[in-house]
Amino acid sequence: MKEARTLAKDKKRDIQGYEVTHAVELAGGEVIFAENKEVEQRYLVCDNSWDNPLGIDLYKNGVISADFLEMIKEFTRRLSERVAAVETERETRGIPFQTLTAEDCYPKGETDLNGCVVVIKPEKLAPEYRSIDNQLALCTGGFGASPNSRGRAVFCQNLITGKTTQWNRDDIVGTVSAERLPDWARINLDALRKPAEKESVIDKIQQGKQDQTQPKSTHKKREKGGPEL
């Protein structure tokens, strides 16, 4: 998940008796360092993710040790892997880093967002994903897309991945016209807007009838050395 997450800063976090002392959110998850002073294996390092329907924390890949240095090395190793994953994604996309703000788009105001290219507010994304390729999306629906609706949900397709995500109307800073989009965004937008070509049931039935009425060839293949029929 690339959305930013809000946690209460003064709330202590406990994982089976281990109090979280350091936590870094990166690459759609979190690396955690925790301590329990009451046990011999007092240090814990684990991963955390919340990409599930309930949005609850799912702790996994936990290791414990009494060696502080060993665990710090494990903590930084996992962080380095996540940094490398984000860098690889950027290199693969090959899109220059740019963050879009209100100055780069039209205010959404009372605009009906259906079918529009919208810009997600940078502060609604995790810091490492506050870039144009993660901000631009095609609005495909949701009650929040209409300006006078009581609903807030807006469904969007990211212009580079095509993945559908849900935002609130307040998460969108504005819209961008197709003419102002970079080349890669225009190409992907055209692909998303182009309806998939599907063969209708009627077409299949008609084709089947044509196959049945078409006369079958009675021409026999000539065997080697035999006469031609």
C-alpha atoms as a PDB file:
ATOM      1  CA  MET A   1       0.000   0.000   0.000  1.00  0.00           C
ATOM      2  CA  LYS A   2       1.280   3.435  -0.913  1.00  0.00           C
ATOM      3  CA  GLU A   3      -1.147   5.485   1.147  1.00  0.00           C
ATOM      4  CA  ALA A   4       0.194   7.364   4.163  1.00  0.00           C
ATOM      5  CA  ARG A   5      -0.877   6.029   7.546  1.00  0.00           C
ATOM      6  CA  THR A   6      -1.655   8.132  10.613  1.00  0.00           C
ATOM      7  CA  LEU A   7      -0.695   6.779  14.039  1.00  0.00           C
ATOM      8  CA  ALA A   8      -1.079   8.360  17.458  1.00  0.00           C
ATOM      9  CA  LYS A   9       2.409   9.568  18.388  1.00  0.00           C
ATOM     10  CA  ASP A  10       1.866   9.225  22.134  1.00  0.00           C
ATOM     11  CA  LYS A  11       0.416   5.709  21.944  1.00  0.00           C
ATOM     12  CA  LYS A  12       2.731   2.917  23.054  1.00  0.00           C
ATOM     13  CA  ARG A  13       2.772  -0.160  20.869  1.00  0.00           C
ATOM     14  CA  ASP A  14       3.199  -3.594  22.346  1.00  0.00           C
ATOM     15  CA  ILE A  15       3.865  -6.848  20.480  1.00  0.00           C
ATOM     16  CA  GLN A  16       3.443  -9.836  22.797  1.00  0.00           C
ATOM     17  CA  GLY A  17       5.211  -8.074  25.646  1.00  0.00           C
ATOM     18  CA  TYR A  18       7.785  -6.293  23.483  1.00  0.00           C
ATOM     19  CA  GLU A  19       7.472  -2.508  23.436  1.00  0.00           C
ATOM     20  CA  VAL A  20       8.150  -0.912  20.050  1.00  0.00           C
ATOM     21  CA  THR A  21      11.091   1.499  20.330  1.00  0.00           C
ATOM     22  CA  HIS A  22      11.809   2.090  16.632  1.00  0.00           C
ATOM     23  CA  ALA A  23       9.547   1.719  13.601  1.00  0.00           C
ATOM     24  CA  VAL A  24      10.139   2.861  10.035  1.00  0.00           C
ATOM     25  CA  GLU A  25       7.358   2.749   7.452  1.00  0.00           C
ATOM     26  CA  LEU A  26       8.728   2.137   3.972  1.00  0.00           C
ATOM     27  CA  ALA A  27       7.752   0.382   0.733  1.00  0.00           C
ATOM     28  CA  GLY A  28       4.199  -0.389   1.783  1.00  0.00           C
ATOM     29  CA  GLY A  29       5.101  -1.869   5.157  1.00  0.00           C
ATOM     30  CA  GLU A  30       7.014  -1.323   8.353  1.00  0.00           C
ATOM     31  CA  VAL A  31      10.192  -2.585   9.996  1.00  0.00           C
ATOM     32  CA  ILE A  32       9.987  -2.723  13.779  1.00  0.00           C
ATOM     33  CA  PHE A  33      12.558  -2.877  16.576  1.00  0.00           C
ATOM     34  CA  ALA A  34      11.091  -3.696  19.998  1.00  0.00           C
ATOM     35  CA  GLU A  35      12.346  -4.504  23.485  1.00  0.00           C
ATOM     36  CA  ASN A  36      11.179  -6.524  26.484  1.00  0.00           C
ATOM     37  CA  LYS A  37      13.400  -5.877  29.515  1.00  0.00           C
ATOM     38  CA  GLU A  38      11.811  -8.717  31.471  1.00  0.00           C
ATOM     39  CA  VAL A  39      13.126 -11.593  29.330  1.00  0.00           C
ATOM     40  CA  GLU A  40      16.547 -12.878  28.356  1.00  0.00           C
ATOM     41  CA  GLN A  41      15.958 -12.567  24.593  1.00  0.00           C
ATOM     42  CA  ARG A  42      15.015  -8.941  25.079  1.00  0.00           C
ATOM     43  CA  TYR A  43      15.196  -7.609  21.507  1.00  0.00           C
ATOM     44  CA  LEU A  44      12.716  -8.229  18.701  1.00  0.00           C
ATOM     45  CA  VAL A  45      12.833  -7.309  15.020  1.00  0.00           C
ATOM     46  CA  CYS A  46       9.859  -7.974  12.772  1.00  0.00           C
ATOM     47  CA  ASP A  47       7.945  -6.771   9.733  1.00  0.00           C
ATOM     48  CA  ASN A  48       4.462  -5.297   9.787  1.00  0.00           C
ATOM     49  CA  SER A  49       1.868  -4.876   7.054  1.00  0.00           C
ATOM     50  CA  TRP A  50      -1.765  -3.755   7.029  1.00  0.00           C
ATOM     51  CA  ASP A  51      -2.710  -4.449   3.409  1.00  0.00           C
ATOM     52  CA  ASN A  52      -5.834  -6.410   4.257  1.00  0.00           C
ATOM     53  CA  PRO A  53      -9.605  -5.745   4.169  1.00  0.00           C
ATOM     54  CA  LEU A  54      -9.673  -4.778   7.860  1.00  0.00           C
ATOM     55  CA  GLY A  55      -6.505  -2.686   7.738  1.00  0.00           C
ATOM     56  CA  ILE A  56      -5.178  -4.335  10.907  1.00  0.00           C
ATOM     57  CA  ASP A  57      -1.502  -4.791  11.753  1.00  0.00           C
ATOM     58  CA  LEU A  58      -0.082  -8.173  10.723  1.00  0.00           C
ATOM     59  CA  TYR A  59       3.288  -8.818  12.354  1.00  0.00           C
ATOM     60  CA  LYS A  60       5.511 -11.438  10.710  1.00  0.00           C
ATOM     61  CA  ASN A  61       9.089 -12.640  10.209  1.00  0.00           C
ATOM     62  CA  GLY A  62       9.933 -11.931  13.842  1.00  0.00           C
ATOM     63  CA  VAL A  63      13.334 -12.788  15.303  1.00  0.00           C
ATOM     64  CA  ILE A  64      14.522 -12.339  18.898  1.00  0.00           C
ATOM     65  CA  SER A  65      17.967 -12.159  20.469  1.00  0.00           C
ATOM     66  CA  ALA A  66      19.852 -10.940  23.519  1.00  0.00           C
ATOM     67  CA  ASP A  67      22.482  -9.352  21.268  1.00  0.00           C
ATOM     68  CA  PHE A  68      21.622  -5.696  20.658  1.00  0.00           C
ATOM     69  CA  LEU A  69      24.188  -5.228  17.863  1.00  0.00           C
ATOM     70  CA  GLU A  70      22.976  -8.319  16.030  1.00  0.00           C
ATOM     71  CA  MET A  71      19.411  -7.068  16.095  1.00  0.00           C
ATOM     72  CA  ILE A  72      20.322  -3.555  14.999  1.00  0.00           C
ATOM     73  CA  LYS A  73      22.126  -5.095  12.030  1.00  0.00           C
ATOM     74  CA  GLU A  74      19.002  -7.113  11.221  1.00  0.00           C
ATOM     75  CA  PHE A  75      16.826  -4.009  11.549  1.00  0.00           C
ATOM     76  CA  THR A  76      19.010  -1.967   9.164  1.00  0.00           C
ATOM     77  CA  ARG A  77      19.339  -4.893   6.744  1.00  0.00           C
ATOM     78  CA  ARG A  78      15.568  -5.069   6.339  1.00  0.00           C
ATOM     79  CA  LEU A  79      15.370  -1.326   5.870  1.00  0.00           C
ATOM     80  CA  SER A  80      18.062  -1.504   3.173  1.00  0.00           C
ATOM     81  CA  GLU A  81      16.040  -4.144   1.308  1.00  0.00           C
ATOM     82  CA  ARG A  82      12.988  -1.897   1.300  1.00  0.00           C
ATOM     83  CA  VAL A  83      15.019   1.096   0.105  1.00  0.00           C
ATOM     84  CA  ALA A  84      16.382  -1.046  -2.722  1.00  0.00           C
ATOM     85  CA  ALA A  85      12.847  -2.130  -3.684  1.00  0.00           C
ATOM     86  CA  VAL A  86      11.677   1.481  -4.010  1.00  0.00           C
ATOM     87  CA  GLU A  87      14.803   2.435  -5.987  1.00  0.00           C
ATOM     88  CA  THR A  88      14.273  -0.520  -8.336  1.00  0.00           C
ATOM     89  CA  GLU A  89      10.681   0.508  -8.949  1.00  0.00           C
ATOM     90  CA  ARG A  90      11.766   4.048  -9.831  1.00  0.00           C
ATOM     91  CA  GLU A  91      14.521   2.822 -12.146  1.00  0.00           C
ATOM     92  CA  THR A  92      12.143   0.391 -13.872  1.00  0.00           C
ATOM     93  CA  ARG A  93       9.578   3.112 -14.531  1.00  0.00           C
ATOM     94  CA  GLY A  94      12.207   5.597 -15.672  1.00  0.00           C
ATOM     95  CA  ILE A  95      10.047   8.594 -14.801  1.00  0.00           C
ATOM     96  CA  PRO A  96      11.825  11.737 -13.518  1.00  0.00           C
ATOM     97  CA  PHE A  97      10.894  12.486  -9.914  1.00  0.00           C
ATOM     98  CA  GLN A  98       8.303  15.240  -9.655  1.00  0.00           C
ATOM     99  CA  THR A  99       5.678  16.050  -7.037  1.00  0.00           C
ATOM    100  CA  LEU A 100       2.424  17.624  -8.206  1.00  0.00           C
ATOM    101  CA  THR A 101       0.760  20.313  -6.088  1.00  0.00           C
ATOM    102  CA  ALA A 102      -2.286  22.556  -6.385  1.00  0.00           C
ATOM    103  CA  GLU A 103      -0.306  24.843  -8.694  1.00  0.00           C
ATOM    104  CA  ASP A 104      -0.012  22.058 -11.278  1.00  0.00           C
ATOM    105  CA  CYS A 105      -3.700  21.300 -11.708  1.00  0.00           C
ATOM    106  CA  TYR A 106      -7.212  22.728 -11.873  1.00  0.00           C
ATOM    107  CA  PRO A 107      -9.047  22.972  -8.512  1.00  0.00           C
ATOM    108  CA  LYS A 108     -11.664  20.248  -8.268  1.00  0.00           C
ATOM    109  CA  GLY A 109     -14.241  22.623  -6.744  1.00  0.00           C
ATOM    110  CA  GLU A 110     -17.688  21.494  -7.854  1.00  0.00           C
ATOM    111  CA  THR A 111     -16.327  19.423 -10.747  1.00  0.00           C
ATOM    112  CA  ASP A 112     -17.805  16.010 -11.513  1.00  0.00           C
ATOM    113  CA  LEU A 113     -14.669  13.867 -11.386  1.00  0.00           C
ATOM    114  CA  ASN A 114     -16.041  10.922 -13.361  1.00  0.00           C
ATOM    115  CA  GLY A 115     -13.743  10.281 -16.332  1.00  0.00           C
ATOM    116  CA  CYS A 116     -11.272  12.972 -15.259  1.00  0.00           C
ATOM    117  CA  VAL A 117      -7.552  12.588 -14.583  1.00  0.00           C
ATOM    118  CA  VAL A 118      -7.169  13.464 -10.919  1.00  0.00           C
ATOM    119  CA  VAL A 119      -4.147  14.305  -8.784  1.00  0.00           C
ATOM    120  CA  ILE A 120      -3.805  12.716  -5.352  1.00  0.00           C
ATOM    121  CA  LYS A 121      -2.574  15.085  -2.638  1.00  0.00           C
ATOM    122  CA  PRO A 122       1.094  14.283  -1.907  1.00  0.00           C
ATOM    123  CA  GLU A 123       0.534  14.252   1.857  1.00  0.00           C
ATOM    124  CA  LYS A 124      -1.955  11.405   1.402  1.00  0.00           C
ATOM    125  CA  LEU A 125       0.842   9.190   0.085  1.00  0.00           C
ATOM    126  CA  ALA A 126       3.739   7.682   2.003  1.00  0.00           C
ATOM    127  CA  PRO A 127       6.829   9.957   1.684  1.00  0.00           C
ATOM    128  CA  GLU A 128       8.703   7.670  -0.716  1.00  0.00           C
ATOM    129  CA  TYR A 129       5.702   7.598  -3.087  1.00  0.00           C
ATOM    130  CA  ARG A 130       4.977  11.329  -3.335  1.00  0.00           C
ATOM    131  CA  SER A 131       5.693  11.498  -7.049  1.00  0.00           C
ATOM    132  CA  ILE A 132       3.761  12.123 -10.243  1.00  0.00           C
ATOM    133  CA  ASP A 133       3.573   8.433 -11.233  1.00  0.00           C
ATOM    134  CA  ASN A 134       1.786   7.641  -7.977  1.00  0.00           C
ATOM    135  CA  GLN A 135      -0.396  10.765  -7.975  1.00  0.00           C
ATOM    136  CA  LEU A 136      -2.012  10.631 -11.417  1.00  0.00           C
ATOM    137  CA  ALA A 137      -5.146   8.499 -11.723  1.00  0.00           C
ATOM    138  CA  LEU A 138      -8.274   8.129 -13.844  1.00  0.00           C
ATOM    139  CA  CYS A 139     -11.481   8.569 -11.846  1.00  0.00           C
ATOM    140  CA  THR A 140     -13.844   5.705 -12.682  1.00  0.00           C
ATOM    141  CA  GLY A 141     -16.675   6.299 -10.221  1.00  0.00           C
ATOM    142  CA  GLY A 142     -17.779   6.406  -6.613  1.00  0.00           C
ATOM    143  CA  PHE A 143     -20.324   8.618  -4.848  1.00  0.00           C
ATOM    144  CA  GLY A 144     -17.582  11.108  -3.978  1.00  0.00           C
ATOM    145  CA  ALA A 145     -16.901  11.750  -7.660  1.00  0.00           C
ATOM    146  CA  SER A 146     -20.106  13.807  -7.834  1.00  0.00           C
ATOM    147  CA  PRO A 147     -19.787  17.218  -6.152  1.00  0.00           C
ATOM    148  CA  ASN A 148     -23.238  17.242  -4.582  1.00  0.00           C
ATOM    149  CA  SER A 149     -23.269  13.690  -3.286  1.00  0.00           C
ATOM    150  CA  ARG A 150     -23.211  12.820   0.405  1.00  0.00           C
ATOM    151  CA  GLY A 151     -20.764  10.031  -0.322  1.00  0.00           C
ATOM    152  CA  ARG A 152     -17.009  10.528  -0.163  1.00  0.00           C
ATOM    153  CA  ALA A 153     -15.508   7.464  -1.872  1.00  0.00           C
ATOM    154  CA  VAL A 154     -13.797   7.973  -5.220  1.00  0.00           C
ATOM    155  CA  PHE A 155     -12.518   5.019  -7.246  1.00  0.00           C
ATOM    156  CA  CYS A 156      -9.463   5.611  -9.413  1.00  0.00           C
ATOM    157  CA  GLN A 157      -7.101   3.717 -11.694  1.00  0.00           C
ATOM    158  CA  ASN A 158      -3.451   4.626 -11.384  1.00  0.00           C
ATOM    159  CA  LEU A 159      -2.147   5.764 -14.777  1.00  0.00           C
ATOM    160  CA  ILE A 160       1.022   3.688 -14.656  1.00  0.00           C
ATOM    161  CA  THR A 161      -0.143   0.452 -13.010  1.00  0.00           C
ATOM    162  CA  GLY A 162      -3.846   0.425 -13.889  1.00  0.00           C
ATOM    163  CA  LYS A 163      -4.547  -0.674 -10.320  1.00  0.00           C
ATOM    164  CA  THR A 164      -7.844   0.485  -8.851  1.00  0.00           C
ATOM    165  CA  THR A 165      -7.716   2.210  -5.472  1.00  0.00           C
ATOM    166  CA  GLN A 166     -10.254   4.007  -3.306  1.00  0.00           C
ATOM    167  CA  TRP A 167      -9.776   7.566  -2.071  1.00  0.00           C
ATOM    168  CA  ASN A 168     -11.952  10.199  -0.469  1.00  0.00           C
ATOM    169  CA  ARG A 169     -12.864  13.302  -2.451  1.00  0.00           C
ATOM    170  CA  ASP A 170     -10.846  15.385   0.025  1.00  0.00           C
ATOM    171  CA  ASP A 171      -7.738  13.340  -0.872  1.00  0.00           C
ATOM    172  CA  ILE A 172      -7.770  14.793  -4.387  1.00  0.00           C
ATOM    173  CA  VAL A 173      -6.125  18.160  -4.961  1.00  0.00           C
ATOM    174  CA  GLY A 174      -7.488  18.741  -8.475  1.00  0.00           C
ATOM    175  CA  THR A 175      -7.659  17.575 -12.087  1.00  0.00           C
ATOM    176  CA  VAL A 176      -5.325  17.685 -15.075  1.00  0.00           C
ATOM    177  CA  SER A 177      -6.313  17.916 -18.741  1.00  0.00           C
ATOM    178  CA  ALA A 178      -4.981  15.216 -21.078  1.00  0.00           C
ATOM    179  CA  GLU A 179      -3.106  17.849 -23.084  1.00  0.00           C
ATOM    180  CA  ARG A 180      -0.942  18.740 -20.083  1.00  0.00           C
ATOM    181  CA  LEU A 181       0.020  15.160 -19.266  1.00  0.00           C
ATOM    182  CA  PRO A 182       3.507  13.807 -19.972  1.00  0.00           C
ATOM    183  CA  ASP A 183       3.772  11.370 -22.875  1.00  0.00           C
ATOM    184  CA  TRP A 184       3.801   8.209 -20.770  1.00  0.00           C
ATOM    185  CA  ALA A 185       0.652   9.317 -18.929  1.00  0.00           C
ATOM    186  CA  ARG A 186      -1.217  10.151 -22.162  1.00  0.00           C
ATOM    187  CA  ILE A 187      -0.391   6.767 -23.662  1.00  0.00           C
ATOM    188  CA  ASN A 188      -1.529   4.896 -20.548  1.00  0.00           C
ATOM    189  CA  LEU A 189      -4.660   7.045 -20.269  1.00  0.00           C
ATOM    190  CA  ASP A 190      -5.662   6.146 -23.833  1.00  0.00           C
ATOM    191  CA  ALA A 191      -5.157   2.459 -23.026  1.00  0.00           C
ATOM    192  CA  LEU A 192      -7.332   2.681 -19.904  1.00  0.00           C
ATOM    193  CA  ARG A 193     -10.091   4.540 -21.721  1.00  0.00           C
ATOM    194  CA  LYS A 194     -10.116   2.206 -24.732  1.00  0.00           C
ATOM    195  CA  PRO A 195     -12.900  -0.366 -24.272  1.00  0.00           C
ATOM    196  CA  ALA A 196     -11.806  -3.962 -24.374  1.00  0.00           C
ATOM    197  CA  GLU A 197     -12.737  -5.655 -27.620  1.00  0.00           C
ATOM    198  CA  LYS A 198     -15.064  -8.527 -26.758  1.00  0.00           C
ATOM    199  CA  GLU A 199     -16.817 -10.874 -29.162  1.00  0.00           C
ATOM    200  CA  SER A 200     -20.551 -10.771 -28.500  1.00  0.00           C
ATOM    201  CA  VAL A 201     -22.681 -13.897 -28.016  1.00  0.00           C
ATOM    202  CA  ILE A 202     -24.638 -13.051 -31.189  1.00  0.00           C
ATOM    203  CA  ASP A 203     -21.400 -12.868 -33.172  1.00  0.00           C
ATOM    204  CA  LYS A 204     -20.422 -16.313 -31.894  1.00  0.00           C
ATOM    205  CA  ILE A 205     -23.836 -17.797 -32.847  1.00  0.00           C
ATOM    206  CA  GLN A 206     -23.716 -16.288 -36.323  1.00  0.00           C
ATOM    207  CA  GLN A 207     -20.189 -17.544 -36.840  1.00  0.00           C
ATOM    208  CA  GLY A 208     -21.297 -21.021 -35.760  1.00  0.00           C
ATOM    209  CA  LYS A 209     -24.142 -21.017 -38.285  1.00  0.00           C
ATOM    210  CA  GLN A 210     -21.779 -19.972 -41.046  1.00  0.00           C
ATOM    211  CA  ASP A 211     -19.452 -22.830 -40.165  1.00  0.00           C
ATOM    212  CA  GLN A 212     -22.351 -25.316 -40.321  1.00  0.00           C
ATOM    213  CA  THR A 213     -23.692 -24.102 -43.699  1.00  0.00           C
ATOM    214  CA  GLN A 214     -20.318 -23.829 -45.372  1.00  0.00           C
ATOM    215  CA  PRO A 215     -19.886 -26.818 -47.754  1.00  0.00           C
ATOM    216  CA  LYS A 216     -17.183 -29.210 -46.824  1.00  0.00           C
ATOM    217  CA  SER A 217     -14.506 -29.966 -49.354  1.00  0.00           C
ATOM    218  CA  THR A 218     -14.692 -33.432 -50.929  1.00  0.00           C
ATOM    219  CA  HIS A 219     -11.251 -33.110 -52.396  1.00  0.00           C
ATOM    220  CA  LYS A 220      -9.066 -35.937 -51.222  1.00  0.00           C
ATOM    221  CA  LYS A 221      -5.396 -35.642 -50.746  1.00  0.00           C
ATOM    222  CA  ARG A 222      -3.316 -37.549 -53.209  1.00  0.00           C
ATOM    223  CA  GLU A 223      -1.310 -40.300 -51.701  1.00  0.00           C
ATOM    224  CA  LYS A 224       2.279 -40.674 -52.668  1.00  0.00           C
ATOM    225  CA  GLY A 225       2.563 -42.453 -55.951  1.00  0.00           C
ATOM    226  CA  GLY A 226      -1.210 -42.570 -56.465  1.00  0.00           C
ATOM    227  CA  PRO A 227      -3.375 -40.868 -59.087  1.00  0.00           C
ATOM    228  CA  GLU A 228      -4.752 -37.399 -58.524  1.00  0.00           C
ATOM    229  CA  LEU A 229      -8.545 -37.446 -57.903  1.00  0.00           C
END
